[in-house]
Amino acid sequence: MDQAVTTWNQRTTMEQMANIGAEIGRTIKWKPKEKDYAQLAFFRALELLQQTKNDPKNRSKLSELCRLYELLVDWWLGNPVYQSDDQSWEKYFYAFNYTCRINLD
């Protein structure tokens, strides 16, 4: 197994989600300024989400993680199917970041 994957799998699901959220935050930040940077951050978020889906400890959450993937792609492509926006994604991922910060104290 790849060292990066092993390290990723050692993180809690909350930490994994917070890291995905950080990439989505970068995506939102760069979207109006530099589309290429935004796209790189978004693809990194999807890559981390895929690693999270492949993590054995997350098997019971697989359907939710797959739905999250679908929702993020819908948002990035600008499709109105799920009608999510930047603010809803910031709000969603904030909870994971907040929980991780509390657990560090």
Protein backbone atom coordinates (compact mmCIF):
# COMPACT_ATOMS: atom_id res chain seq x y z
CA MET A 1 0.00 0.00 0.00
CA ASP A 2 1.19 3.52 -0.85
CA GLN A 3 2.64 5.51 2.10
CA ALA A 4 0.33 8.46 1.42
CA VAL A 5 -2.72 6.16 1.51
CA THR A 6 -1.50 4.51 4.71
CA THR A 7 -1.06 7.93 6.34
CA TRP A 8 -4.49 9.02 5.11
CA ASN A 9 -6.13 5.89 6.51
CA GLN A 10 -4.57 6.60 9.92
CA ARG A 11 -6.58 9.82 10.15
CA THR A 12 -10.04 9.76 11.68
CA THR A 13 -12.99 10.13 9.33
CA MET A 14 -13.56 13.60 10.82
CA GLU A 15 -9.98 14.58 9.94
CA GLN A 16 -10.36 13.17 6.45
CA MET A 17 -13.56 15.15 5.91
CA ALA A 18 -11.97 18.32 7.32
CA ASN A 19 -9.10 17.97 4.84
CA ILE A 20 -11.53 17.47 1.97
CA GLY A 21 -13.33 20.58 3.21
CA ALA A 22 -10.09 22.56 3.15
CA GLU A 23 -9.68 21.72 -0.53
CA ILE A 24 -13.28 22.71 -1.23
CA GLY A 25 -12.60 25.97 0.63
CA ARG A 26 -9.63 26.58 -1.67
CA THR A 27 -11.83 25.78 -4.64
CA ILE A 28 -14.37 28.39 -3.54
CA LYS A 29 -11.65 30.95 -2.83
CA TRP A 30 -10.01 30.57 -6.24
CA LYS A 31 -13.13 30.09 -8.37
CA PRO A 32 -13.72 33.81 -9.05
CA LYS A 33 -10.00 34.64 -9.35
CA GLU A 34 -8.12 31.80 -11.00
CA LYS A 35 -10.17 28.97 -12.47
CA ASP A 36 -7.12 26.71 -12.98
CA TYR A 37 -6.17 26.86 -9.29
CA ALA A 38 -9.79 26.25 -8.34
CA GLN A 39 -9.92 23.20 -10.59
CA LEU A 40 -6.71 21.78 -9.11
CA ALA A 41 -8.09 22.19 -5.58
CA PHE A 42 -11.39 20.60 -6.60
CA PHE A 43 -9.67 17.60 -8.18
CA ARG A 44 -7.55 17.23 -5.04
CA ALA A 45 -10.76 17.22 -2.97
CA LEU A 46 -12.17 14.46 -5.17
CA GLU A 47 -8.92 12.49 -4.86
CA LEU A 48 -9.05 12.75 -1.06
CA LEU A 49 -12.71 11.78 -1.09
CA GLN A 50 -11.87 8.71 -3.17
CA GLN A 51 -9.19 7.73 -0.66
CA THR A 52 -11.75 8.22 2.11
CA LYS A 53 -14.19 5.95 0.28
CA ASN A 54 -11.46 3.31 -0.06
CA ASP A 55 -10.53 3.44 3.63
CA PRO A 56 -11.79 0.19 5.25
CA LYS A 57 -12.99 1.98 8.39
CA ASN A 58 -15.45 3.98 6.25
CA ARG A 59 -17.28 1.02 4.69
CA SER A 60 -20.42 1.73 6.70
CA LYS A 61 -20.41 5.29 5.34
CA LEU A 62 -19.84 4.36 1.72
CA SER A 63 -23.28 5.34 0.43
CA GLU A 64 -23.03 8.79 2.06
CA LEU A 65 -19.52 9.30 0.70
CA CYS A 66 -20.64 8.28 -2.79
CA ARG A 67 -23.54 10.73 -2.58
CA LEU A 68 -21.14 13.46 -1.42
CA TYR A 69 -18.98 12.78 -4.49
CA GLU A 70 -22.03 13.06 -6.72
CA LEU A 71 -23.15 16.31 -5.07
CA LEU A 72 -19.70 17.89 -5.33
CA VAL A 73 -19.38 17.05 -9.02
CA ASP A 74 -22.88 18.44 -9.64
CA TRP A 75 -21.91 21.67 -7.87
CA TRP A 76 -18.61 22.01 -9.74
CA LEU A 77 -20.25 21.45 -13.12
CA GLY A 78 -22.91 24.01 -12.32
CA ASN A 79 -25.78 21.59 -12.78
CA PRO A 80 -28.98 22.60 -11.01
CA VAL A 81 -29.94 19.06 -10.01
CA TYR A 82 -29.04 19.44 -6.32
CA GLN A 83 -28.83 23.24 -6.26
CA SER A 84 -25.94 23.44 -3.82
CA ASP A 85 -23.87 26.60 -3.66
CA ASP A 86 -20.57 27.80 -2.21
CA GLN A 87 -22.15 28.85 1.06
CA SER A 88 -23.83 25.48 1.64
CA TRP A 89 -20.49 23.68 1.11
CA GLU A 90 -18.66 26.03 3.47
CA LYS A 91 -21.33 25.40 6.08
CA TYR A 92 -21.24 21.62 5.56
CA PHE A 93 -17.48 21.28 5.89
CA TYR A 94 -17.21 23.80 8.73
CA ALA A 95 -18.69 21.22 11.10
CA PHE A 96 -15.86 18.78 10.41
CA ASN A 97 -13.18 21.44 10.85
CA TYR A 98 -14.80 22.68 14.06
CA THR A 99 -15.02 19.17 15.50
CA CYS A 100 -11.36 18.49 14.70
CA ARG A 101 -10.29 21.74 16.36
CA ILE A 102 -12.27 20.96 19.50
CA ASN A 103 -10.69 17.52 19.72
CA LEU A 104 -7.20 19.07 19.50
CA ASP A 105 -7.74 21.14 22.65
